[in-house]
Amino acid sequence: MKRAINTGNGNWQETTLDGPRLRRWMLDASACVELARSRIARIGFDEALPPYRRVRISPGGSFVLACVSGSGFILLDGKWQRVGPGMVCLAPPRVLNALYAAGSERWSFAWVRYDEPAFVAPVVGASSPVVSKARADEASRLVSGLRAEWEGEREPRMIHHWLELIQATVRRFAQPWRSREPRVTKLWTEVGEDLARDWTLEELAHRCHCSSEHLRRLCMREMGRSPMQHLTCLRMEKARQMLESSSDKLEAVAAGVGYANAVIFSRVFKRWVGVAPGEYRGRL
């Protein structure tokens, strides 16, 4: 059993802490070839109580959690967020991901952990919502269907069928904006093409032809982030790409994503990703 938490100085360590009361079903790609073909490392269902905790410093793929009942906490976008029934949380690869159970009620959730090398387009990207408040029960039913088939007939055709449904559902969860607000889609496309710009909330709202408060409500409803939080998310995703694909100095990376000061950029990057930019590049 691996155990570690935030060391208190801003540094994190890998943690796997189950506790004696954890109820878990899990299917691993080493046991199911269809999972590997879908780039799913593991899939499962947990019913957790304290001291259940997970910390993944640099996960090799996207992570999706669909809460059925109870509640817990998950670290997303550099901050802890409570997760309750009906909520779906999505975390991108190679970014600090942590979660823990709290309270006396079991925290029950279905989950999918992907295996996505850097050259593969991840299921969860910077433009995906971080939290969605709908259809968690749908994901849970599909994982339960896969489990029933695996523990029963284990017919390859049926397993493939269940995984196809799970994949389609996860991709729908992760789809940015779902075309309900085309003006907002257009806004973030423009922002993503010019992340070096010194964007303000007022300018974002003006580009979207709405008030700052209305844009905030749209972003929170669709993405689970405020406009400025989503801007930071896009910047950190671009910074990670630059660190992975170039040898540019830290000052150049910072400037390329809208930070005039490399020290401030490094501080935000570590809070968001979990490690400093230099350490992130050194792990590649």
Protein backbone atom coordinates (compact mmCIF):
# COMPACT_ATOMS: atom_id res chain seq x y z
CA MET A 1 0.00 0.00 0.00
CA LYS A 2 1.48 3.35 -1.03
CA ARG A 3 0.78 6.24 1.30
CA ALA A 4 1.56 9.90 0.90
CA ILE A 5 -0.18 13.22 0.96
CA ASN A 6 0.74 16.86 0.58
CA THR A 7 3.96 17.19 2.54
CA GLY A 8 3.00 20.66 3.74
CA ASN A 9 5.47 22.57 1.58
CA GLY A 10 3.43 22.41 -1.60
CA ASN A 11 4.94 19.08 -2.68
CA TRP A 12 2.85 15.97 -3.31
CA GLN A 13 3.63 12.27 -3.29
CA GLU A 14 1.89 9.29 -4.83
CA THR A 15 -0.79 7.90 -2.51
CA THR A 16 -2.95 4.78 -2.53
CA LEU A 17 -4.84 4.43 0.74
CA ASP A 18 -7.89 2.13 0.72
CA GLY A 19 -8.85 1.64 4.35
CA PRO A 20 -10.45 -1.56 5.71
CA ARG A 21 -14.02 -0.70 4.66
CA LEU A 22 -13.51 -0.05 0.94
CA ARG A 23 -15.81 -1.97 -1.42
CA ARG A 24 -14.36 -2.10 -4.90
CA TRP A 25 -14.82 -3.76 -8.24
CA MET A 26 -12.10 -3.13 -10.81
CA LEU A 27 -11.17 -4.44 -14.23
CA ASP A 28 -7.60 -3.96 -15.47
CA ALA A 29 -6.33 -3.84 -19.07
CA SER A 30 -3.92 -6.68 -18.24
CA ALA A 31 -6.93 -8.94 -17.75
CA CYS A 32 -9.16 -7.57 -20.54
CA VAL A 33 -7.69 -6.98 -23.99
CA GLU A 34 -10.71 -4.90 -25.03
CA LEU A 35 -9.79 -2.31 -22.39
CA ALA A 36 -6.29 -1.99 -23.81
CA ARG A 37 -7.69 -1.53 -27.31
CA SER A 38 -9.79 1.36 -25.98
CA ARG A 39 -6.75 2.86 -24.21
CA ILE A 40 -8.44 2.28 -20.85
CA ALA A 41 -5.97 1.27 -18.17
CA ARG A 42 -8.57 0.44 -15.51
CA ILE A 43 -12.28 0.83 -14.93
CA GLY A 44 -14.26 0.24 -11.77
CA PHE A 45 -16.71 1.15 -9.06
CA ASP A 46 -15.73 2.22 -5.53
CA GLU A 47 -17.77 2.55 -2.35
CA ALA A 48 -15.38 4.46 -0.12
CA LEU A 49 -15.16 5.64 3.47
CA PRO A 50 -12.34 7.45 5.28
CA PRO A 51 -9.36 7.08 5.20
CA TYR A 52 -9.75 6.36 1.45
CA ARG A 53 -7.42 8.61 -0.55
CA ARG A 54 -5.73 8.71 -3.94
CA VAL A 55 -2.97 11.01 -5.21
CA ARG A 56 -1.59 10.67 -8.74
CA ILE A 57 1.22 13.14 -9.45
CA SER A 58 1.43 12.67 -13.21
CA PRO A 59 -1.28 10.23 -14.34
CA GLY A 60 -0.69 8.65 -17.71
CA GLY A 61 -4.20 9.28 -18.95
CA SER A 62 -7.51 11.07 -18.45
CA PHE A 63 -9.60 10.28 -15.37
CA VAL A 64 -13.40 10.33 -15.22
CA LEU A 65 -15.43 9.96 -12.01
CA ALA A 66 -19.24 9.70 -11.87
CA CYS A 67 -20.72 10.06 -8.38
CA VAL A 68 -23.82 7.98 -7.60
CA SER A 69 -24.31 8.62 -3.88
CA GLY A 70 -22.56 10.09 -0.89
CA SER A 71 -19.89 12.73 -1.37
CA GLY A 72 -16.15 13.19 -1.40
CA PHE A 73 -13.53 15.66 -2.52
CA ILE A 74 -11.44 15.80 -5.69
CA LEU A 75 -8.56 18.09 -6.58
CA LEU A 76 -9.27 19.73 -9.94
CA ASP A 77 -7.69 22.84 -11.45
CA GLY A 78 -5.47 23.15 -8.39
CA LYS A 79 -8.29 23.32 -5.82
CA TRP A 80 -10.40 20.91 -3.79
CA GLN A 81 -14.01 20.54 -4.87
CA ARG A 82 -16.83 18.61 -3.20
CA VAL A 83 -18.40 15.95 -5.42
CA GLY A 84 -22.01 14.94 -4.79
CA PRO A 85 -24.61 12.65 -6.41
CA GLY A 86 -25.15 13.20 -10.11
CA MET A 87 -21.84 15.00 -10.66
CA VAL A 88 -19.25 13.90 -13.21
CA CYS A 89 -15.62 15.04 -12.79
CA LEU A 90 -13.05 15.00 -15.58
CA ALA A 91 -9.29 15.36 -15.17
CA PRO A 92 -6.71 15.55 -17.99
CA PRO A 93 -3.55 13.42 -18.19
CA ARG A 94 -0.18 14.39 -16.69
CA VAL A 95 -1.78 16.85 -14.25
CA LEU A 96 -1.96 16.34 -10.47
CA ASN A 97 -5.10 14.39 -9.61
CA ALA A 98 -6.22 13.57 -6.04
CA LEU A 99 -9.38 12.53 -4.24
CA TYR A 100 -10.50 11.45 -0.78
CA ALA A 101 -13.60 10.27 1.08
CA ALA A 102 -15.05 12.28 3.97
CA GLY A 103 -17.97 11.79 6.31
CA SER A 104 -19.88 8.74 7.53
CA GLU A 105 -21.82 7.92 4.34
CA ARG A 106 -20.21 5.75 1.70
CA TRP A 107 -19.00 7.67 -1.33
CA SER A 108 -20.10 5.56 -4.30
CA PHE A 109 -18.78 6.32 -7.78
CA ALA A 110 -17.94 4.72 -11.10
CA TRP A 111 -14.59 5.65 -12.60
CA VAL A 112 -12.44 5.23 -15.71
CA ARG A 113 -8.64 5.70 -15.84
CA TYR A 114 -7.16 5.98 -19.35
CA ASP A 115 -3.71 5.17 -20.72
CA GLU A 116 -2.83 8.01 -23.12
CA PRO A 117 0.79 8.60 -24.17
CA ALA A 118 1.78 12.18 -25.01
CA PHE A 119 1.37 11.57 -28.75
CA VAL A 120 -2.30 10.55 -28.32
CA ALA A 121 -5.11 13.12 -28.20
CA PRO A 122 -6.59 12.67 -24.70
CA VAL A 123 -10.26 12.11 -24.01
CA VAL A 124 -10.22 14.99 -21.50
CA GLY A 125 -8.58 18.17 -22.76
CA ALA A 126 -8.22 21.77 -21.64
CA SER A 127 -11.56 22.69 -23.20
CA SER A 128 -13.46 19.86 -21.51
CA PRO A 129 -15.65 20.70 -18.54
CA VAL A 130 -14.07 20.02 -15.16
CA VAL A 131 -17.41 19.18 -13.51
CA SER A 132 -20.74 18.27 -15.08
CA LYS A 133 -23.93 17.97 -13.00
CA ALA A 134 -25.77 15.46 -15.15
CA ARG A 135 -25.95 11.80 -16.22
CA ALA A 136 -23.63 10.27 -13.60
CA ASP A 137 -26.21 7.50 -13.19
CA GLU A 138 -25.90 6.73 -16.91
CA ALA A 139 -22.16 6.10 -16.58
CA SER A 140 -22.73 4.00 -13.47
CA ARG A 141 -25.29 1.79 -15.23
CA LEU A 142 -22.89 1.18 -18.11
CA VAL A 143 -20.02 0.21 -15.79
CA SER A 144 -22.44 -2.10 -13.94
CA GLY A 145 -23.42 -3.65 -17.28
CA LEU A 146 -19.77 -4.28 -18.13
CA ARG A 147 -19.23 -5.82 -14.71
CA ALA A 148 -22.22 -8.16 -15.10
CA GLU A 149 -20.95 -9.38 -18.47
CA TRP A 150 -17.38 -9.83 -17.20
CA GLU A 151 -18.56 -11.82 -14.16
CA GLY A 152 -21.03 -13.80 -16.28
CA GLU A 153 -20.72 -15.01 -19.88
CA ARG A 154 -17.68 -12.82 -20.62
CA GLU A 155 -18.52 -12.82 -24.33
CA PRO A 156 -16.00 -10.63 -26.24
CA ARG A 157 -18.69 -9.18 -28.50
CA MET A 158 -20.77 -8.05 -25.52
CA ILE A 159 -17.76 -6.66 -23.66
CA HIS A 160 -16.89 -4.66 -26.76
CA HIS A 161 -20.49 -3.42 -26.88
CA TRP A 162 -20.43 -2.19 -23.27
CA LEU A 163 -17.08 -0.48 -23.76
CA GLU A 164 -18.31 1.25 -26.90
CA LEU A 165 -21.22 2.69 -24.92
CA ILE A 166 -18.92 3.75 -22.06
CA GLN A 167 -16.52 5.42 -24.49
CA ALA A 168 -19.30 7.30 -26.26
CA THR A 169 -20.75 8.49 -22.95
CA VAL A 170 -17.38 9.67 -21.61
CA ARG A 171 -16.64 11.54 -24.83
CA ARG A 172 -20.02 13.25 -24.60
CA PHE A 173 -19.21 14.29 -21.02
CA ALA A 174 -15.84 15.66 -22.17
CA GLN A 175 -17.13 17.50 -25.23
CA PRO A 176 -16.61 21.24 -24.75
CA TRP A 177 -19.74 23.40 -24.73
CA ARG A 178 -21.82 20.79 -26.57
CA SER A 179 -22.75 23.53 -29.12
CA ARG A 180 -25.43 24.97 -26.81
CA GLU A 181 -23.64 28.33 -26.73
CA PRO A 182 -21.87 28.88 -30.09
CA ARG A 183 -20.82 32.42 -29.14
CA VAL A 184 -18.92 31.05 -26.15
CA THR A 185 -17.37 28.33 -28.29
CA LYS A 186 -16.21 31.06 -30.70
CA LEU A 187 -14.81 33.10 -27.80
CA TRP A 188 -12.65 30.30 -26.40
CA THR A 189 -11.45 29.35 -29.85
CA GLU A 190 -10.19 32.91 -30.32
CA VAL A 191 -8.64 32.97 -26.86
CA GLY A 192 -6.91 29.64 -27.45
CA GLU A 193 -5.26 31.05 -30.55
CA ASP A 194 -3.87 34.07 -28.68
CA LEU A 195 -2.94 32.96 -25.15
CA ALA A 196 -0.04 35.42 -24.97
CA ARG A 197 -2.55 38.27 -24.88
CA ASP A 198 -3.28 39.98 -21.55
CA TRP A 199 -6.94 38.98 -21.42
CA THR A 200 -9.28 40.57 -18.87
CA LEU A 201 -12.73 39.45 -17.81
CA GLU A 202 -14.22 42.61 -19.29
CA GLU A 203 -12.65 41.95 -22.70
CA LEU A 204 -13.78 38.31 -22.67
CA ALA A 205 -17.34 39.41 -21.92
CA HIS A 206 -17.20 42.08 -24.63
CA ARG A 207 -16.03 39.53 -27.20
CA CYS A 208 -18.93 37.29 -26.15
CA HIS A 209 -21.45 40.17 -26.39
CA CYS A 210 -22.65 39.75 -22.81
CA SER A 211 -22.01 41.06 -19.31
CA SER A 212 -19.19 39.72 -17.15
CA GLU A 213 -21.66 38.14 -14.75
CA HIS A 214 -23.60 36.44 -17.56
CA LEU A 215 -20.36 35.01 -18.99
CA ARG A 216 -19.41 33.77 -15.52
CA ARG A 217 -22.75 31.97 -15.20
CA LEU A 218 -22.41 30.42 -18.66
CA CYS A 219 -18.90 29.15 -17.89
CA MET A 220 -19.82 27.78 -14.49
CA ARG A 221 -22.86 26.01 -15.92
CA GLU A 222 -21.07 24.46 -18.88
CA MET A 223 -17.50 24.06 -17.62
CA GLY A 224 -17.54 24.16 -13.84
CA ARG A 225 -15.00 27.00 -14.06
CA SER A 226 -15.13 30.78 -14.02
CA PRO A 227 -13.93 32.53 -17.22
CA MET A 228 -10.57 33.44 -15.68
CA GLN A 229 -10.12 29.92 -14.32
CA HIS A 230 -10.77 28.51 -17.78
CA LEU A 231 -8.28 30.98 -19.25
CA THR A 232 -5.70 29.70 -16.78
CA CYS A 233 -6.58 26.11 -17.72
CA LEU A 234 -5.98 26.82 -21.41
CA ARG A 235 -2.70 28.54 -20.59
CA MET A 236 -1.45 25.66 -18.45
CA GLU A 237 -2.37 23.14 -21.15
CA LYS A 238 -0.45 25.17 -23.74
CA ALA A 239 2.49 25.53 -21.34
CA ARG A 240 2.60 21.76 -20.85
CA GLN A 241 2.65 21.27 -24.61
CA MET A 242 5.52 23.76 -24.98
CA LEU A 243 7.51 22.08 -22.20
CA GLU A 244 6.94 18.68 -23.81
CA SER A 245 7.78 19.66 -27.38
CA SER A 246 10.42 22.39 -27.17
CA SER A 247 13.59 23.37 -25.35
CA ASP A 248 12.48 26.99 -24.92
CA LYS A 249 13.63 28.73 -21.78
CA LEU A 250 11.13 29.14 -19.00
CA GLU A 251 10.81 32.88 -19.69
CA ALA A 252 9.80 32.16 -23.29
CA VAL A 253 7.23 29.58 -22.22
CA ALA A 254 5.80 32.03 -19.68
CA ALA A 255 5.55 34.81 -22.26
CA GLY A 256 3.97 32.45 -24.77
CA VAL A 257 1.04 31.82 -22.45
CA GLY A 258 0.52 35.37 -21.20
CA TYR A 259 2.85 35.69 -18.19
CA ALA A 260 5.40 38.50 -18.20
CA ASN A 261 6.97 37.11 -15.04
CA ALA A 262 8.43 33.57 -15.05
CA VAL A 263 8.24 33.39 -11.25
CA ILE A 264 4.49 33.99 -11.23
CA PHE A 265 4.05 31.55 -14.11
CA SER A 266 6.00 28.86 -12.21
CA ARG A 267 3.88 29.38 -9.11
CA VAL A 268 0.61 29.04 -11.07
CA PHE A 269 1.93 26.04 -13.02
CA LYS A 270 2.89 24.17 -9.85
CA ARG A 271 -0.47 24.85 -8.23
CA TRP A 272 -2.31 23.72 -11.37
CA VAL A 273 -0.19 20.78 -12.53
CA GLY A 274 1.32 19.67 -9.22
CA VAL A 275 5.02 20.12 -10.02
CA ALA A 276 7.25 23.03 -11.07
CA PRO A 277 7.81 23.53 -14.83
CA GLY A 278 11.44 22.40 -14.65
CA GLU A 279 10.52 19.22 -12.80
CA TYR A 280 7.69 18.56 -15.25
CA ARG A 281 10.07 18.81 -18.20
CA GLY A 282 12.64 16.65 -16.40
CA ARG A 283 10.12 13.81 -16.09
CA LEU A 284 9.51 13.57 -19.83
